[in-house]
Amino acid sequence: MADIVTLKALCDELKLDPREARERLRAAASDAKANPELAKARKPRTLWQWVKGSKALAEAKLVLQPPKAG
């Protein structure tokens, strides 16, 4: 079975509030042009989780990164 990365684990890793992370992910998933893998992986009314090493996980991490200052 593939390793699964949950939103909780991702929030712990990036030190984010899960509520804010869900809001950002929902907004990003609704823009299929900018985040195609994230949009494909999203299933309404299900947990936010990804297969470790997937393109969707990489997009989720990019969306959840803090904005760069400067």
PDB file of N, CA and C in Angstrom:
ATOM      1  N   MET A   1       0.832  -1.184   0.000  1.00  0.00           N
ATOM      2  CA  MET A   1       0.000   0.000   0.000  1.00  0.00           C
ATOM      3  C   MET A   1       0.880   1.252   0.000  1.00  0.00           C
ATOM      4  N   ALA A   2       0.427   2.259  -0.717  1.00  0.00           N
ATOM      5  CA  ALA A   2       1.200   3.494  -0.836  1.00  0.00           C
ATOM      6  C   ALA A   2       1.136   4.299   0.463  1.00  0.00           C
ATOM      7  N   ASP A   3       2.202   5.025   0.726  1.00  0.00           N
ATOM      8  CA  ASP A   3       2.216   5.902   1.908  1.00  0.00           C
ATOM      9  C   ASP A   3       1.294   7.085   1.649  1.00  0.00           C
ATOM     10  N   ILE A   4       0.502   7.430   2.650  1.00  0.00           N
ATOM     11  CA  ILE A   4      -0.449   8.524   2.536  1.00  0.00           C
ATOM     12  C   ILE A   4       0.008   9.675   3.421  1.00  0.00           C
ATOM     13  N   VAL A   5      -0.061  10.892   2.880  1.00  0.00           N
ATOM     14  CA  VAL A   5       0.253  12.097   3.638  1.00  0.00           C
ATOM     15  C   VAL A   5      -1.065  12.826   3.868  1.00  0.00           C
ATOM     16  N   THR A   6      -1.406  13.060   5.125  1.00  0.00           N
ATOM     17  CA  THR A   6      -2.656  13.741   5.453  1.00  0.00           C
ATOM     18  C   THR A   6      -2.412  15.243   5.607  1.00  0.00           C
ATOM     19  N   LEU A   7      -3.490  15.984   5.590  1.00  0.00           N
ATOM     20  CA  LEU A   7      -3.386  17.430   5.790  1.00  0.00           C
ATOM     21  C   LEU A   7      -2.826  17.736   7.174  1.00  0.00           C
ATOM     22  N   LYS A   8      -3.209  16.952   8.167  1.00  0.00           N
ATOM     23  CA  LYS A   8      -2.697  17.173   9.521  1.00  0.00           C
ATOM     24  C   LYS A   8      -1.177  17.041   9.557  1.00  0.00           C
ATOM     25  N   ALA A   9      -0.653  16.014   8.912  1.00  0.00           N
ATOM     26  CA  ALA A   9       0.798  15.825   8.879  1.00  0.00           C
ATOM     27  C   ALA A   9       1.479  16.974   8.139  1.00  0.00           C
ATOM     28  N   LEU A  10       0.861  17.412   7.050  1.00  0.00           N
ATOM     29  CA  LEU A  10       1.423  18.508   6.267  1.00  0.00           C
ATOM     30  C   LEU A  10       1.407  19.807   7.080  1.00  0.00           C
ATOM     31  N   CYS A  11       0.330  20.044   7.808  1.00  0.00           N
ATOM     32  CA  CYS A  11       0.235  21.241   8.651  1.00  0.00           C
ATOM     33  C   CYS A  11       1.266  21.209   9.776  1.00  0.00           C
ATOM     34  N   ASP A  12       1.475  20.038  10.359  1.00  0.00           N
ATOM     35  CA  ASP A  12       2.498  19.902  11.395  1.00  0.00           C
ATOM     36  C   ASP A  12       3.883  20.202  10.831  1.00  0.00           C
ATOM     37  N   GLU A  13       4.136  19.700   9.633  1.00  0.00           N
ATOM     38  CA  GLU A  13       5.441  19.901   8.989  1.00  0.00           C
ATOM     39  C   GLU A  13       5.678  21.375   8.662  1.00  0.00           C
ATOM     40  N   LEU A  14       4.641  22.051   8.143  1.00  0.00           N
ATOM     41  CA  LEU A  14       4.784  23.440   7.718  1.00  0.00           C
ATOM     42  C   LEU A  14       4.380  24.448   8.792  1.00  0.00           C
ATOM     43  N   LYS A  15       3.964  23.946   9.966  1.00  0.00           N
ATOM     44  CA  LYS A  15       3.540  24.788  11.090  1.00  0.00           C
ATOM     45  C   LYS A  15       2.429  25.744  10.675  1.00  0.00           C
ATOM     46  N   LEU A  16       1.341  25.148  10.142  1.00  0.00           N
ATOM     47  CA  LEU A  16       0.183  25.910   9.684  1.00  0.00           C
ATOM     48  C   LEU A  16      -1.056  25.547  10.482  1.00  0.00           C
ATOM     49  N   ASP A  17      -2.014  26.467  10.497  1.00  0.00           N
ATOM     50  CA  ASP A  17      -3.320  26.201  11.077  1.00  0.00           C
ATOM     51  C   ASP A  17      -4.118  25.377  10.057  1.00  0.00           C
ATOM     52  N   PRO A  18      -4.661  24.240  10.450  1.00  0.00           N
ATOM     53  CA  PRO A  18      -5.395  23.393   9.499  1.00  0.00           C
ATOM     54  C   PRO A  18      -6.572  24.099   8.832  1.00  0.00           C
ATOM     55  N   ARG A  19      -7.257  24.960   9.551  1.00  0.00           N
ATOM     56  CA  ARG A  19      -8.395  25.680   8.964  1.00  0.00           C
ATOM     57  C   ARG A  19      -7.932  26.574   7.815  1.00  0.00           C
ATOM     58  N   GLU A  20      -6.866  27.326   8.048  1.00  0.00           N
ATOM     59  CA  GLU A  20      -6.323  28.197   7.007  1.00  0.00           C
ATOM     60  C   GLU A  20      -5.814  27.367   5.826  1.00  0.00           C
ATOM     61  N   ALA A  21      -5.191  26.244   6.126  1.00  0.00           N
ATOM     62  CA  ALA A  21      -4.665  25.375   5.066  1.00  0.00           C
ATOM     63  C   ALA A  21      -5.800  24.849   4.187  1.00  0.00           C
ATOM     64  N   ARG A  22      -6.909  24.426   4.806  1.00  0.00           N
ATOM     65  CA  ARG A  22      -8.046  23.941   4.023  1.00  0.00           C
ATOM     66  C   ARG A  22      -8.610  25.033   3.125  1.00  0.00           C
ATOM     67  N   GLU A  23      -8.702  26.259   3.657  1.00  0.00           N
ATOM     68  CA  GLU A  23      -9.206  27.383   2.856  1.00  0.00           C
ATOM     69  C   GLU A  23      -8.310  27.618   1.641  1.00  0.00           C
ATOM     70  N   ARG A  24      -7.006  27.617   1.864  1.00  0.00           N
ATOM     71  CA  ARG A  24      -6.064  27.849   0.766  1.00  0.00           C
ATOM     72  C   ARG A  24      -6.114  26.721  -0.261  1.00  0.00           C
ATOM     73  N   LEU A  25      -6.239  25.480   0.222  1.00  0.00           N
ATOM     74  CA  LEU A  25      -6.315  24.343  -0.698  1.00  0.00           C
ATOM     75  C   LEU A  25      -7.607  24.358  -1.518  1.00  0.00           C
ATOM     76  N   ARG A  26      -8.723  24.703  -0.876  1.00  0.00           N
ATOM     77  CA  ARG A  26      -9.993  24.787  -1.618  1.00  0.00           C
ATOM     78  C   ARG A  26      -9.905  25.825  -2.722  1.00  0.00           C
ATOM     79  N   ALA A  27      -9.341  26.981  -2.405  1.00  0.00           N
ATOM     80  CA  ALA A  27      -9.198  28.040  -3.401  1.00  0.00           C
ATOM     81  C   ALA A  27      -8.286  27.593  -4.540  1.00  0.00           C
ATOM     82  N   ALA A  28      -7.200  26.934  -4.209  1.00  0.00           N
ATOM     83  CA  ALA A  28      -6.255  26.478  -5.227  1.00  0.00           C
ATOM     84  C   ALA A  28      -6.854  25.366  -6.091  1.00  0.00           C
ATOM     85  N   ALA A  29      -7.599  24.457  -5.480  1.00  0.00           N
ATOM     86  CA  ALA A  29      -8.185  23.340  -6.225  1.00  0.00           C
ATOM     87  C   ALA A  29      -9.275  23.816  -7.175  1.00  0.00           C
ATOM     88  N   SER A  30      -9.905  24.934  -6.862  1.00  0.00           N
ATOM     89  CA  SER A  30     -10.952  25.449  -7.749  1.00  0.00           C
ATOM     90  C   SER A  30     -10.368  26.073  -9.006  1.00  0.00           C
ATOM     91  N   ASP A  31      -9.074  26.374  -9.011  1.00  0.00           N
ATOM     92  CA  ASP A  31      -8.398  26.925 -10.187  1.00  0.00           C
ATOM     93  C   ASP A  31      -7.630  25.798 -10.886  1.00  0.00           C
ATOM     94  N   ALA A  32      -8.343  25.062 -11.732  1.00  0.00           N
ATOM     95  CA  ALA A  32      -7.766  23.880 -12.381  1.00  0.00           C
ATOM     96  C   ALA A  32      -6.639  24.229 -13.355  1.00  0.00           C
ATOM     97  N   LYS A  33      -6.645  25.436 -13.886  1.00  0.00           N
ATOM     98  CA  LYS A  33      -5.574  25.824 -14.817  1.00  0.00           C
ATOM     99  C   LYS A  33      -4.246  25.991 -14.094  1.00  0.00           C
ATOM    100  N   ALA A  34      -4.285  26.616 -12.932  1.00  0.00           N
ATOM    101  CA  ALA A  34      -3.054  26.875 -12.180  1.00  0.00           C
ATOM    102  C   ALA A  34      -2.571  25.644 -11.421  1.00  0.00           C
ATOM    103  N   ASN A  35      -3.497  24.800 -10.967  1.00  0.00           N
ATOM    104  CA  ASN A  35      -3.151  23.630 -10.151  1.00  0.00           C
ATOM    105  C   ASN A  35      -3.876  22.387 -10.668  1.00  0.00           C
ATOM    106  N   PRO A  36      -3.514  21.894 -11.832  1.00  0.00           N
ATOM    107  CA  PRO A  36      -4.274  20.781 -12.422  1.00  0.00           C
ATOM    108  C   PRO A  36      -4.240  19.495 -11.599  1.00  0.00           C
ATOM    109  N   GLU A  37      -3.110  19.143 -11.034  1.00  0.00           N
ATOM    110  CA  GLU A  37      -3.014  17.894 -10.269  1.00  0.00           C
ATOM    111  C   GLU A  37      -3.806  17.983  -8.971  1.00  0.00           C
ATOM    112  N   LEU A  38      -3.757  19.130  -8.334  1.00  0.00           N
ATOM    113  CA  LEU A  38      -4.505  19.337  -7.097  1.00  0.00           C
ATOM    114  C   LEU A  38      -6.004  19.279  -7.375  1.00  0.00           C
ATOM    115  N   ALA A  39      -6.426  19.869  -8.481  1.00  0.00           N
ATOM    116  CA  ALA A  39      -7.846  19.858  -8.852  1.00  0.00           C
ATOM    117  C   ALA A  39      -8.322  18.432  -9.165  1.00  0.00           C
ATOM    118  N   LYS A  40      -7.485  17.648  -9.838  1.00  0.00           N
ATOM    119  CA  LYS A  40      -7.857  16.267 -10.157  1.00  0.00           C
ATOM    120  C   LYS A  40      -7.930  15.398  -8.909  1.00  0.00           C
ATOM    121  N   ALA A  41      -7.052  15.645  -7.957  1.00  0.00           N
ATOM    122  CA  ALA A  41      -6.982  14.814  -6.759  1.00  0.00           C
ATOM    123  C   ALA A  41      -8.083  15.146  -5.759  1.00  0.00           C
ATOM    124  N   ARG A  42      -8.679  16.319  -5.876  1.00  0.00           N
ATOM    125  CA  ARG A  42      -9.684  16.755  -4.895  1.00  0.00           C
ATOM    126  C   ARG A  42     -11.018  16.072  -5.120  1.00  0.00           C
ATOM    127  N   LYS A  43     -11.538  15.482  -4.061  1.00  0.00           N
ATOM    128  CA  LYS A  43     -12.866  14.881  -4.059  1.00  0.00           C
ATOM    129  C   LYS A  43     -13.674  15.592  -2.973  1.00  0.00           C
ATOM    130  N   PRO A  44     -14.817  16.204  -3.329  1.00  0.00           N
ATOM    131  CA  PRO A  44     -15.607  16.914  -2.319  1.00  0.00           C
ATOM    132  C   PRO A  44     -16.034  15.990  -1.171  1.00  0.00           C
ATOM    133  N   ARG A  45     -16.086  16.563   0.013  1.00  0.00           N
ATOM    134  CA  ARG A  45     -16.529  15.853   1.224  1.00  0.00           C
ATOM    135  C   ARG A  45     -15.638  14.679   1.606  1.00  0.00           C
ATOM    136  N   THR A  46     -14.379  14.741   1.238  1.00  0.00           N
ATOM    137  CA  THR A  46     -13.426  13.707   1.656  1.00  0.00           C
ATOM    138  C   THR A  46     -12.247  14.388   2.347  1.00  0.00           C
ATOM    139  N   LEU A  47     -11.433  13.587   2.992  1.00  0.00           N
ATOM    140  CA  LEU A  47     -10.255  14.116   3.674  1.00  0.00           C
ATOM    141  C   LEU A  47      -9.236  14.617   2.665  1.00  0.00           C
ATOM    142  N   TRP A  48      -8.492  15.634   3.068  1.00  0.00           N
ATOM    143  CA  TRP A  48      -7.367  16.088   2.261  1.00  0.00           C
ATOM    144  C   TRP A  48      -6.215  15.138   2.542  1.00  0.00           C
ATOM    145  N   GLN A  49      -5.868  14.322   1.569  1.00  0.00           N
ATOM    146  CA  GLN A  49      -4.738  13.407   1.700  1.00  0.00           C
ATOM    147  C   GLN A  49      -4.193  13.091   0.323  1.00  0.00           C
ATOM    148  N   TRP A  50      -2.906  12.787   0.286  1.00  0.00           N
ATOM    149  CA  TRP A  50      -2.218  12.547  -0.965  1.00  0.00           C
ATOM    150  C   TRP A  50      -1.278  11.365  -0.822  1.00  0.00           C
ATOM    151  N   VAL A  51      -0.955  10.752  -1.947  1.00  0.00           N
ATOM    152  CA  VAL A  51       0.042   9.692  -1.975  1.00  0.00           C
ATOM    153  C   VAL A  51       1.413  10.360  -1.895  1.00  0.00           C
ATOM    154  N   LYS A  52       2.262   9.828  -1.041  1.00  0.00           N
ATOM    155  CA  LYS A  52       3.601  10.387  -0.854  1.00  0.00           C
ATOM    156  C   LYS A  52       4.345  10.392  -2.188  1.00  0.00           C
ATOM    157  N   GLY A  53       4.910  11.549  -2.546  1.00  0.00           N
ATOM    158  CA  GLY A  53       5.671  11.679  -3.774  1.00  0.00           C
ATOM    159  C   GLY A  53       4.830  12.019  -4.996  1.00  0.00           C
ATOM    160  N   SER A  54       3.526  12.215  -4.836  1.00  0.00           N
ATOM    161  CA  SER A  54       2.666  12.506  -5.984  1.00  0.00           C
ATOM    162  C   SER A  54       2.789  13.966  -6.409  1.00  0.00           C
ATOM    163  N   LYS A  55       2.385  14.238  -7.650  1.00  0.00           N
ATOM    164  CA  LYS A  55       2.408  15.613  -8.152  1.00  0.00           C
ATOM    165  C   LYS A  55       1.402  16.472  -7.394  1.00  0.00           C
ATOM    166  N   ALA A  56       0.278  15.883  -7.020  1.00  0.00           N
ATOM    167  CA  ALA A  56      -0.740  16.627  -6.274  1.00  0.00           C
ATOM    168  C   ALA A  56      -0.193  17.075  -4.914  1.00  0.00           C
ATOM    169  N   LEU A  57       0.585  16.230  -4.260  1.00  0.00           N
ATOM    170  CA  LEU A  57       1.198  16.602  -2.980  1.00  0.00           C
ATOM    171  C   LEU A  57       2.185  17.749  -3.189  1.00  0.00           C
ATOM    172  N   ALA A  58       2.953  17.699  -4.248  1.00  0.00           N
ATOM    173  CA  ALA A  58       3.904  18.774  -4.528  1.00  0.00           C
ATOM    174  C   ALA A  58       3.166  20.095  -4.745  1.00  0.00           C
ATOM    175  N   GLU A  59       2.046  20.059  -5.474  1.00  0.00           N
ATOM    176  CA  GLU A  59       1.261  21.274  -5.684  1.00  0.00           C
ATOM    177  C   GLU A  59       0.670  21.774  -4.366  1.00  0.00           C
ATOM    178  N   ALA A  60       0.198  20.863  -3.537  1.00  0.00           N
ATOM    179  CA  ALA A  60      -0.365  21.255  -2.244  1.00  0.00           C
ATOM    180  C   ALA A  60       0.698  21.947  -1.393  1.00  0.00           C
ATOM    181  N   LYS A  61       1.902  21.412  -1.387  1.00  0.00           N
ATOM    182  CA  LYS A  61       2.982  22.030  -0.613  1.00  0.00           C
ATOM    183  C   LYS A  61       3.305  23.421  -1.134  1.00  0.00           C
ATOM    184  N   LEU A  62       3.283  23.590  -2.461  1.00  0.00           N
ATOM    185  CA  LEU A  62       3.531  24.919  -3.035  1.00  0.00           C
ATOM    186  C   LEU A  62       2.455  25.909  -2.616  1.00  0.00           C
ATOM    187  N   VAL A  63       1.210  25.471  -2.634  1.00  0.00           N
ATOM    188  CA  VAL A  63       0.090  26.336  -2.259  1.00  0.00           C
ATOM    189  C   VAL A  63       0.199  26.732  -0.790  1.00  0.00           C
ATOM    190  N   LEU A  64       0.650  25.829   0.049  1.00  0.00           N
ATOM    191  CA  LEU A  64       0.691  26.071   1.488  1.00  0.00           C
ATOM    192  C   LEU A  64       1.963  26.769   1.964  1.00  0.00           C
ATOM    193  N   GLN A  65       2.932  26.933   1.085  1.00  0.00           N
ATOM    194  CA  GLN A  65       4.161  27.634   1.479  1.00  0.00           C
ATOM    195  C   GLN A  65       3.836  29.070   1.851  1.00  0.00           C
ATOM    196  N   PRO A  66       4.521  29.618   2.859  1.00  0.00           N
ATOM    197  CA  PRO A  66       4.297  31.033   3.191  1.00  0.00           C
ATOM    198  C   PRO A  66       4.784  31.915   2.042  1.00  0.00           C
ATOM    199  N   PRO A  67       4.130  33.054   1.823  1.00  0.00           N
ATOM    200  CA  PRO A  67       4.582  33.946   0.745  1.00  0.00           C
ATOM    201  C   PRO A  67       5.991  34.436   1.027  1.00  0.00           C
ATOM    202  N   LYS A  68       6.776  34.523  -0.016  1.00  0.00           N
ATOM    203  CA  LYS A  68       8.161  34.966   0.130  1.00  0.00           C
ATOM    204  C   LYS A  68       8.200  36.486   0.313  1.00  0.00           C
ATOM    205  N   ALA A  69       8.963  36.919   1.294  1.00  0.00           N
ATOM    206  CA  ALA A  69       9.100  38.360   1.546  1.00  0.00           C
ATOM    207  C   ALA A  69      10.140  38.948   0.606  1.00  0.00           C
ATOM    208  N   GLY A  70       9.898  40.163   0.178  1.00  0.00           N
ATOM    209  CA  GLY A  70      10.915  40.824  -0.613  1.00  0.00           C
ATOM    210  C   GLY A  70      10.434  41.151  -1.910  1.00  0.00           C
TER     211      GLY A  70
END
